[in-house]
Amino acid sequence: ETFGGTEGKTVLSKQVATEKKLREITSDKDGFGKLTIPRL
């Protein structure tokens, strides 16, 4: 967002500290995985 993106629209950012949370993101193939915007 600092570098010009709009969080939730043109970019998406998340923080994880557990494998469970990481798994939720990497297994979300129809949501997070299908996005074509920069995501961190």
All heavy atoms as atom14 arrays in JSON, in Angstrom:
{
  "sequence": "ETFGGTEGKTVLSKQVATEKKLREITSDKDGFGKLTIPRL",
  "atom14_mask": [
    [1, 1, 1, 1, 1, 1, 1, 1, 1, 0, 0, 0, 0, 0],
    [1, 1, 1, 1, 1, 1, 1, 0, 0, 0, 0, 0, 0, 0],
    [1, 1, 1, 1, 1, 1, 1, 1, 1, 1, 1, 0, 0, 0],
    [1, 1, 1, 1, 0, 0, 0, 0, 0, 0, 0, 0, 0, 0],
    [1, 1, 1, 1, 0, 0, 0, 0, 0, 0, 0, 0, 0, 0],
    [1, 1, 1, 1, 1, 1, 1, 0, 0, 0, 0, 0, 0, 0],
    [1, 1, 1, 1, 1, 1, 1, 1, 1, 0, 0, 0, 0, 0],
    [1, 1, 1, 1, 0, 0, 0, 0, 0, 0, 0, 0, 0, 0],
    [1, 1, 1, 1, 1, 1, 1, 1, 1, 0, 0, 0, 0, 0],
    [1, 1, 1, 1, 1, 1, 1, 0, 0, 0, 0, 0, 0, 0],
    [1, 1, 1, 1, 1, 1, 1, 0, 0, 0, 0, 0, 0, 0],
    [1, 1, 1, 1, 1, 1, 1, 1, 0, 0, 0, 0, 0, 0],
    [1, 1, 1, 1, 1, 1, 0, 0, 0, 0, 0, 0, 0, 0],
    [1, 1, 1, 1, 1, 1, 1, 1, 1, 0, 0, 0, 0, 0],
    [1, 1, 1, 1, 1, 1, 1, 1, 1, 0, 0, 0, 0, 0],
    [1, 1, 1, 1, 1, 1, 1, 0, 0, 0, 0, 0, 0, 0],
    [1, 1, 1, 1, 1, 0, 0, 0, 0, 0, 0, 0, 0, 0],
    [1, 1, 1, 1, 1, 1, 1, 0, 0, 0, 0, 0, 0, 0],
    [1, 1, 1, 1, 1, 1, 1, 1, 1, 0, 0, 0, 0, 0],
    [1, 1, 1, 1, 1, 1, 1, 1, 1, 0, 0, 0, 0, 0],
    [1, 1, 1, 1, 1, 1, 1, 1, 1, 0, 0, 0, 0, 0],
    [1, 1, 1, 1, 1, 1, 1, 1, 0, 0, 0, 0, 0, 0],
    [1, 1, 1, 1, 1, 1, 1, 1, 1, 1, 1, 0, 0, 0],
    [1, 1, 1, 1, 1, 1, 1, 1, 1, 0, 0, 0, 0, 0],
    [1, 1, 1, 1, 1, 1, 1, 1, 0, 0, 0, 0, 0, 0],
    [1, 1, 1, 1, 1, 1, 1, 0, 0, 0, 0, 0, 0, 0],
    [1, 1, 1, 1, 1, 1, 0, 0, 0, 0, 0, 0, 0, 0],
    [1, 1, 1, 1, 1, 1, 1, 1, 0, 0, 0, 0, 0, 0],
    [1, 1, 1, 1, 1, 1, 1, 1, 1, 0, 0, 0, 0, 0],
    [1, 1, 1, 1, 1, 1, 1, 1, 0, 0, 0, 0, 0, 0],
    [1, 1, 1, 1, 0, 0, 0, 0, 0, 0, 0, 0, 0, 0],
    [1, 1, 1, 1, 1, 1, 1, 1, 1, 1, 1, 0, 0, 0],
    [1, 1, 1, 1, 0, 0, 0, 0, 0, 0, 0, 0, 0, 0],
    [1, 1, 1, 1, 1, 1, 1, 1, 1, 0, 0, 0, 0, 0],
    [1, 1, 1, 1, 1, 1, 1, 1, 0, 0, 0, 0, 0, 0],
    [1, 1, 1, 1, 1, 1, 1, 0, 0, 0, 0, 0, 0, 0],
    [1, 1, 1, 1, 1, 1, 1, 1, 0, 0, 0, 0, 0, 0],
    [1, 1, 1, 1, 1, 1, 1, 0, 0, 0, 0, 0, 0, 0],
    [1, 1, 1, 1, 1, 1, 1, 1, 1, 1, 1, 0, 0, 0],
    [1, 1, 1, 1, 1, 1, 1, 1, 0, 0, 0, 0, 0, 0]
  ],
  "atom14_positions": [
    [[0.83, -1.19, 0.0], [0.0, 0.0, 0.0], [0.87, 1.25, 0.0], [0.58, 2.23, -0.69], [-0.94, 0.0, 1.21], [-2.01, 1.06, 1.13], [-3.13, 0.82, 2.14], [-2.89, 0.11, 3.13], [-4.23, 1.34, 1.9], [0.0, 0.0, 0.0], [0.0, 0.0, 0.0], [0.0, 0.0, 0.0], [0.0, 0.0, 0.0], [0.0, 0.0, 0.0]],
    [[1.98, 1.22, 0.75], [2.91, 2.35, 0.77], [3.46, 2.64, -0.62], [3.64, 3.8, -1.01], [4.07, 2.06, 1.74], [3.56, 1.88, 3.05], [5.1, 3.19, 1.73], [0.0, 0.0, 0.0], [0.0, 0.0, 0.0], [0.0, 0.0, 0.0], [0.0, 0.0, 0.0], [0.0, 0.0, 0.0], [0.0, 0.0, 0.0], [0.0, 0.0, 0.0]],
    [[3.68, 1.58, -1.38], [4.24, 1.74, -2.73], [3.16, 1.93, -3.78], [3.41, 1.72, -4.97], [5.14, 0.55, -3.08], [6.49, 0.61, -2.43], [6.78, -0.14, -1.3], [7.48, 1.43, -2.94], [8.03, -0.08, -0.7], [8.73, 1.5, -2.35], [9.0, 0.75, -1.22], [0.0, 0.0, 0.0], [0.0, 0.0, 0.0], [0.0, 0.0, 0.0]],
    [[1.96, 2.32, -3.37], [0.97, 2.76, -4.35], [-0.24, 1.89, -4.52], [-1.14, 2.23, -5.28], [0.0, 0.0, 0.0], [0.0, 0.0, 0.0], [0.0, 0.0, 0.0], [0.0, 0.0, 0.0], [0.0, 0.0, 0.0], [0.0, 0.0, 0.0], [0.0, 0.0, 0.0], [0.0, 0.0, 0.0], [0.0, 0.0, 0.0], [0.0, 0.0, 0.0]],
    [[-0.3, 0.74, -3.82], [-1.45, -0.14, -3.97], [-2.6, 0.25, -3.06], [-2.44, 1.04, -2.12], [0.0, 0.0, 0.0], [0.0, 0.0, 0.0], [0.0, 0.0, 0.0], [0.0, 0.0, 0.0], [0.0, 0.0, 0.0], [0.0, 0.0, 0.0], [0.0, 0.0, 0.0], [0.0, 0.0, 0.0], [0.0, 0.0, 0.0], [0.0, 0.0, 0.0]],
    [[-3.75, -0.29, -3.34], [-4.93, -0.13, -2.48], [-5.24, -1.49, -1.86], [-5.63, -2.42, -2.57], [-6.14, 0.37, -3.28], [-5.81, 1.62, -3.91], [-7.35, 0.57, -2.37], [0.0, 0.0, 0.0], [0.0, 0.0, 0.0], [0.0, 0.0, 0.0], [0.0, 0.0, 0.0], [0.0, 0.0, 0.0], [0.0, 0.0, 0.0], [0.0, 0.0, 0.0]],
    [[-5.01, -1.61, -0.55], [-5.14, -2.89, 0.13], [-6.55, -3.44, -0.05], [-7.56, -2.76, 0.15], [-4.82, -2.74, 1.62], [-4.88, -4.02, 2.42], [-3.9, -5.09, 1.93], [-2.77, -4.74, 1.5], [-4.27, -6.28, 1.95], [0.0, 0.0, 0.0], [0.0, 0.0, 0.0], [0.0, 0.0, 0.0], [0.0, 0.0, 0.0], [0.0, 0.0, 0.0]],
    [[-6.6, -4.71, -0.44], [-7.87, -5.39, -0.64], [-8.46, -5.2, -2.02], [-9.43, -5.87, -2.37], [0.0, 0.0, 0.0], [0.0, 0.0, 0.0], [0.0, 0.0, 0.0], [0.0, 0.0, 0.0], [0.0, 0.0, 0.0], [0.0, 0.0, 0.0], [0.0, 0.0, 0.0], [0.0, 0.0, 0.0], [0.0, 0.0, 0.0], [0.0, 0.0, 0.0]],
    [[-7.87, -4.29, -2.81], [-8.38, -4.06, -4.16], [-7.29, -4.33, -5.22], [-7.44, -5.23, -6.03], [-8.9, -2.62, -4.3], [-10.16, -2.35, -3.49], [-10.71, -0.95, -3.76], [-11.18, -0.8, -5.19], [-11.78, 0.55, -5.43], [0.0, 0.0, 0.0], [0.0, 0.0, 0.0], [0.0, 0.0, 0.0], [0.0, 0.0, 0.0], [0.0, 0.0, 0.0]],
    [[-6.24, -3.53, -5.19], [-5.17, -3.72, -6.18], [-4.0, -4.52, -5.62], [-3.14, -4.95, -6.39], [-4.66, -2.37, -6.7], [-4.08, -1.63, -5.62], [-5.79, -1.57, -7.31], [0.0, 0.0, 0.0], [0.0, 0.0, 0.0], [0.0, 0.0, 0.0], [0.0, 0.0, 0.0], [0.0, 0.0, 0.0], [0.0, 0.0, 0.0], [0.0, 0.0, 0.0]],
    [[-3.95, -4.69, -4.3], [-2.92, -5.5, -3.65], [-3.57, -6.22, -2.47], [-4.65, -5.82, -2.0], [-1.72, -4.66, -3.16], [-1.03, -3.96, -4.31], [-2.16, -3.64, -2.11], [0.0, 0.0, 0.0], [0.0, 0.0, 0.0], [0.0, 0.0, 0.0], [0.0, 0.0, 0.0], [0.0, 0.0, 0.0], [0.0, 0.0, 0.0], [0.0, 0.0, 0.0]],
    [[-2.88, -7.25, -1.98], [-3.38, -7.97, -0.8], [-2.2, -8.4, 0.04], [-1.21, -8.93, -0.48], [-4.19, -9.2, -1.22], [-4.9, -9.97, -0.1], [-5.96, -9.1, 0.56], [-5.52, -11.25, -0.63], [0.0, 0.0, 0.0], [0.0, 0.0, 0.0], [0.0, 0.0, 0.0], [0.0, 0.0, 0.0], [0.0, 0.0, 0.0], [0.0, 0.0, 0.0]],
    [[-2.29, -8.17, 1.36], [-1.19, -8.5, 2.27], [-1.71, -9.23, 3.49], [-2.79, -8.89, 4.02], [-0.47, -7.21, 2.71], [-0.01, -6.48, 1.6], [0.0, 0.0, 0.0], [0.0, 0.0, 0.0], [0.0, 0.0, 0.0], [0.0, 0.0, 0.0], [0.0, 0.0, 0.0], [0.0, 0.0, 0.0], [0.0, 0.0, 0.0], [0.0, 0.0, 0.0]],
    [[-0.95, -10.22, 3.96], [-1.33, -10.99, 5.14], [-0.07, -11.31, 5.95], [1.04, -11.35, 5.41], [-2.03, -12.29, 4.75], [-3.37, -12.11, 4.04], [-3.96, -13.44, 3.62], [-5.31, -13.28, 2.92], [-6.36, -12.82, 3.83], [0.0, 0.0, 0.0], [0.0, 0.0, 0.0], [0.0, 0.0, 0.0], [0.0, 0.0, 0.0], [0.0, 0.0, 0.0]],
    [[-0.27, -11.56, 7.24], [0.82, -12.02, 8.11], [0.41, -13.33, 8.75], [-0.74, -13.48, 9.22], [1.14, -11.0, 9.19], [2.33, -11.39, 10.07], [2.49, -10.51, 11.29], [1.72, -10.64, 12.25], [3.46, -9.61, 11.26], [0.0, 0.0, 0.0], [0.0, 0.0, 0.0], [0.0, 0.0, 0.0], [0.0, 0.0, 0.0], [0.0, 0.0, 0.0]],
    [[1.33, -14.3, 8.8], [1.04, -15.58, 9.45], [2.2, -15.94, 10.36], [3.36, -15.67, 10.05], [0.81, -16.71, 8.42], [-0.42, -16.42, 7.57], [2.03, -16.92, 7.53], [0.0, 0.0, 0.0], [0.0, 0.0, 0.0], [0.0, 0.0, 0.0], [0.0, 0.0, 0.0], [0.0, 0.0, 0.0], [0.0, 0.0, 0.0], [0.0, 0.0, 0.0]],
    [[1.86, -16.56, 11.49], [2.88, -17.01, 12.43], [2.69, -18.48, 12.79], [3.45, -19.01, 13.61], [2.85, -16.16, 13.7], [0.0, 0.0, 0.0], [0.0, 0.0, 0.0], [0.0, 0.0, 0.0], [0.0, 0.0, 0.0], [0.0, 0.0, 0.0], [0.0, 0.0, 0.0], [0.0, 0.0, 0.0], [0.0, 0.0, 0.0], [0.0, 0.0, 0.0]],
    [[1.68, -19.12, 12.21], [1.44, -20.55, 12.46], [1.27, -21.26, 11.14], [0.83, -20.66, 10.14], [0.18, -20.77, 13.32], [-0.97, -20.36, 12.57], [0.26, -19.99, 14.62], [0.0, 0.0, 0.0], [0.0, 0.0, 0.0], [0.0, 0.0, 0.0], [0.0, 0.0, 0.0], [0.0, 0.0, 0.0], [0.0, 0.0, 0.0], [0.0, 0.0, 0.0]],
    [[1.59, -22.54, 11.12], [1.42, -23.29, 9.89], [-0.05, -23.39, 9.5], [-0.39, -23.4, 8.32], [2.02, -24.69, 10.02], [1.99, -25.42, 8.68], [2.42, -26.87, 8.76], [2.56, -27.41, 9.87], [2.61, -27.47, 7.67], [0.0, 0.0, 0.0], [0.0, 0.0, 0.0], [0.0, 0.0, 0.0], [0.0, 0.0, 0.0], [0.0, 0.0, 0.0]],
    [[-0.92, -23.43, 10.48], [-2.36, -23.51, 10.18], [-2.79, -22.32, 9.35], [-3.51, -22.46, 8.35], [-3.16, -23.58, 11.49], [-4.66, -23.65, 11.26], [-5.42, -23.68, 12.58], [-6.93, -23.69, 12.34], [-7.69, -23.68, 13.62], [0.0, 0.0, 0.0], [0.0, 0.0, 0.0], [0.0, 0.0, 0.0], [0.0, 0.0, 0.0], [0.0, 0.0, 0.0]],
    [[-2.36, -21.12, 9.75], [-2.72, -19.91, 9.01], [-2.09, -19.9, 7.62], [-2.7, -19.47, 6.62], [-2.3, -18.66, 9.78], [-3.11, -18.42, 11.05], [-4.56, -18.09, 10.73], [-5.35, -17.74, 11.98], [-6.79, -17.48, 11.67], [0.0, 0.0, 0.0], [0.0, 0.0, 0.0], [0.0, 0.0, 0.0], [0.0, 0.0, 0.0], [0.0, 0.0, 0.0]],
    [[-0.84, -20.38, 7.54], [-0.18, -20.46, 6.24], [-0.91, -21.43, 5.33], [-1.14, -21.15, 4.15], [1.28, -20.89, 6.42], [2.1, -21.05, 5.13], [2.19, -19.74, 4.37], [3.5, -21.58, 5.46], [0.0, 0.0, 0.0], [0.0, 0.0, 0.0], [0.0, 0.0, 0.0], [0.0, 0.0, 0.0], [0.0, 0.0, 0.0], [0.0, 0.0, 0.0]],
    [[-1.33, -22.55, 5.89], [-2.05, -23.56, 5.11], [-3.37, -23.02, 4.59], [-3.79, -23.33, 3.47], [-2.28, -24.8, 5.98], [-3.11, -25.91, 5.35], [-2.39, -26.58, 4.19], [-1.15, -27.21, 4.57], [-0.32, -27.81, 3.71], [-0.62, -27.83, 2.44], [0.8, -28.37, 4.14], [0.0, 0.0, 0.0], [0.0, 0.0, 0.0], [0.0, 0.0, 0.0]],
    [[-4.04, -22.19, 5.38], [-5.31, -21.6, 4.94], [-5.1, -20.77, 3.68], [-5.96, -20.74, 2.79], [-5.9, -20.73, 6.06], [-6.46, -21.53, 7.24], [-6.92, -20.62, 8.37], [-6.82, -19.37, 8.22], [-7.37, -21.15, 9.4], [0.0, 0.0, 0.0], [0.0, 0.0, 0.0], [0.0, 0.0, 0.0], [0.0, 0.0, 0.0], [0.0, 0.0, 0.0]],
    [[-3.97, -20.08, 3.61], [-3.7, -19.24, 2.44], [-3.27, -20.08, 1.24], [-3.8, -19.92, 0.14], [-2.6, -18.21, 2.79], [-3.14, -17.2, 3.81], [-2.1, -17.5, 1.54], [-2.08, -16.28, 4.37], [0.0, 0.0, 0.0], [0.0, 0.0, 0.0], [0.0, 0.0, 0.0], [0.0, 0.0, 0.0], [0.0, 0.0, 0.0], [0.0, 0.0, 0.0]],
    [[-2.33, -20.98, 1.44], [-1.79, -21.74, 0.3], [-2.79, -22.75, -0.25], [-2.68, -23.16, -1.41], [-0.49, -22.46, 0.7], [-0.75, -23.32, 1.83], [0.59, -21.46, 1.07], [0.0, 0.0, 0.0], [0.0, 0.0, 0.0], [0.0, 0.0, 0.0], [0.0, 0.0, 0.0], [0.0, 0.0, 0.0], [0.0, 0.0, 0.0], [0.0, 0.0, 0.0]],
    [[-3.76, -23.15, 0.56], [-4.76, -24.11, 0.08], [-5.98, -23.42, -0.53], [-6.87, -24.08, -1.07], [-5.21, -25.03, 1.22], [-5.82, -24.28, 2.26], [0.0, 0.0, 0.0], [0.0, 0.0, 0.0], [0.0, 0.0, 0.0], [0.0, 0.0, 0.0], [0.0, 0.0, 0.0], [0.0, 0.0, 0.0], [0.0, 0.0, 0.0], [0.0, 0.0, 0.0]],
    [[-6.03, -22.08, -0.44], [-7.18, -21.33, -0.95], [-7.0, -21.08, -2.45], [-6.79, -19.96, -2.9], [-7.31, -20.01, -0.18], [-8.55, -19.22, -0.59], [-9.43, -19.8, -1.26], [-8.64, -18.02, -0.23], [0.0, 0.0, 0.0], [0.0, 0.0, 0.0], [0.0, 0.0, 0.0], [0.0, 0.0, 0.0], [0.0, 0.0, 0.0], [0.0, 0.0, 0.0]],
    [[-7.11, -22.14, -3.22], [-6.8, -22.05, -4.65], [-7.85, -21.28, -5.44], [-7.56, -20.72, -6.5], [-6.63, -23.47, -5.22], [-5.52, -24.26, -4.53], [-5.21, -25.54, -5.24], [-4.22, -26.42, -4.48], [-3.03, -25.74, -4.03], [0.0, 0.0, 0.0], [0.0, 0.0, 0.0], [0.0, 0.0, 0.0], [0.0, 0.0, 0.0], [0.0, 0.0, 0.0]],
    [[-9.08, -21.24, -4.96], [-10.13, -20.52, -5.67], [-10.25, -19.07, -5.21], [-11.0, -18.3, -5.81], [-11.48, -21.22, -5.48], [-11.51, -22.59, -6.14], [-10.87, -22.73, -7.2], [-12.14, -23.51, -5.6], [0.0, 0.0, 0.0], [0.0, 0.0, 0.0], [0.0, 0.0, 0.0], [0.0, 0.0, 0.0], [0.0, 0.0, 0.0], [0.0, 0.0, 0.0]],
    [[-9.54, -18.72, -4.16], [-9.57, -17.34, -3.67], [-8.23, -16.7, -3.83], [-7.92, -16.13, -4.88], [0.0, 0.0, 0.0], [0.0, 0.0, 0.0], [0.0, 0.0, 0.0], [0.0, 0.0, 0.0], [0.0, 0.0, 0.0], [0.0, 0.0, 0.0], [0.0, 0.0, 0.0], [0.0, 0.0, 0.0], [0.0, 0.0, 0.0], [0.0, 0.0, 0.0]],
    [[-7.38, -16.81, -2.82], [-6.05, -16.2, -2.84], [-5.25, -16.66, -4.06], [-4.58, -15.86, -4.71], [-5.31, -16.57, -1.54], [-3.99, -15.89, -1.38], [-3.9, -14.65, -0.77], [-2.82, -16.5, -1.81], [-2.68, -14.01, -0.61], [-1.59, -15.88, -1.65], [-1.52, -14.63, -1.05], [0.0, 0.0, 0.0], [0.0, 0.0, 0.0], [0.0, 0.0, 0.0]],
    [[-5.33, -17.94, -4.37], [-4.52, -18.47, -5.47], [-4.95, -18.0, -6.84], [-4.16, -18.03, -7.79], [0.0, 0.0, 0.0], [0.0, 0.0, 0.0], [0.0, 0.0, 0.0], [0.0, 0.0, 0.0], [0.0, 0.0, 0.0], [0.0, 0.0, 0.0], [0.0, 0.0, 0.0], [0.0, 0.0, 0.0], [0.0, 0.0, 0.0], [0.0, 0.0, 0.0]],
    [[-6.2, -17.56, -6.99], [-6.69, -17.13, -8.3], [-6.52, -15.63, -8.54], [-6.76, -15.15, -9.65], [-8.16, -17.51, -8.47], [-8.37, -18.94, -8.93], [-9.76, -19.14, -9.47], [-9.88, -20.52, -10.12], [-11.24, -20.74, -10.67], [0.0, 0.0, 0.0], [0.0, 0.0, 0.0], [0.0, 0.0, 0.0], [0.0, 0.0, 0.0], [0.0, 0.0, 0.0]],
    [[-6.15, -14.9, -7.51], [-5.92, -13.47, -7.68], [-4.77, -13.23, -8.65], [-3.84, -14.04, -8.74], [-5.62, -12.81, -6.34], [-6.72, -12.84, -5.28], [-6.18, -12.3, -3.96], [-7.92, -12.03, -5.74], [0.0, 0.0, 0.0], [0.0, 0.0, 0.0], [0.0, 0.0, 0.0], [0.0, 0.0, 0.0], [0.0, 0.0, 0.0], [0.0, 0.0, 0.0]],
    [[-4.81, -12.15, -9.38], [-3.73, -11.82, -10.31], [-3.05, -10.5, -9.94], [-2.3, -9.95, -10.73], [-4.26, -11.72, -11.76], [-5.29, -10.73, -11.81], [-4.81, -13.06, -12.22], [0.0, 0.0, 0.0], [0.0, 0.0, 0.0], [0.0, 0.0, 0.0], [0.0, 0.0, 0.0], [0.0, 0.0, 0.0], [0.0, 0.0, 0.0], [0.0, 0.0, 0.0]],
    [[-3.31, -10.01, -8.72], [-2.71, -8.78, -8.23], [-1.48, -9.11, -7.4], [-1.32, -10.25, -6.94], [-3.72, -7.97, -7.39], [-4.21, -8.82, -6.2], [-4.88, -7.5, -8.24], [-5.15, -8.08, -5.26], [0.0, 0.0, 0.0], [0.0, 0.0, 0.0], [0.0, 0.0, 0.0], [0.0, 0.0, 0.0], [0.0, 0.0, 0.0], [0.0, 0.0, 0.0]],
    [[-0.58, -8.16, -7.17], [0.54, -8.42, -6.26], [0.01, -8.74, -4.86], [-0.89, -8.07, -4.34], [1.31, -7.09, -6.26], [0.92, -6.4, -7.52], [-0.5, -6.8, -7.77], [0.0, 0.0, 0.0], [0.0, 0.0, 0.0], [0.0, 0.0, 0.0], [0.0, 0.0, 0.0], [0.0, 0.0, 0.0], [0.0, 0.0, 0.0], [0.0, 0.0, 0.0]],
    [[0.56, -9.8, -4.25], [0.14, -10.17, -2.9], [1.34, -10.61, -2.08], [2.26, -11.22, -2.63], [-0.94, -11.24, -2.92], [-0.71, -12.4, -3.86], [-2.0, -12.69, -4.62], [-1.96, -13.93, -5.37], [-1.62, -13.97, -6.67], [-1.23, -12.87, -7.3], [-1.65, -15.12, -7.32], [0.0, 0.0, 0.0], [0.0, 0.0, 0.0], [0.0, 0.0, 0.0]],
    [[1.31, -10.26, -0.82], [2.45, -10.49, 0.06], [1.98, -11.21, 1.31], [1.01, -10.78, 1.95], [3.12, -9.16, 0.42], [4.38, -9.21, 1.28], [5.31, -8.04, 0.94], [4.07, -9.17, 2.78], [0.0, 0.0, 0.0], [0.0, 0.0, 0.0], [0.0, 0.0, 0.0], [0.0, 0.0, 0.0], [0.0, 0.0, 0.0], [0.0, 0.0, 0.0]]
  ]
}
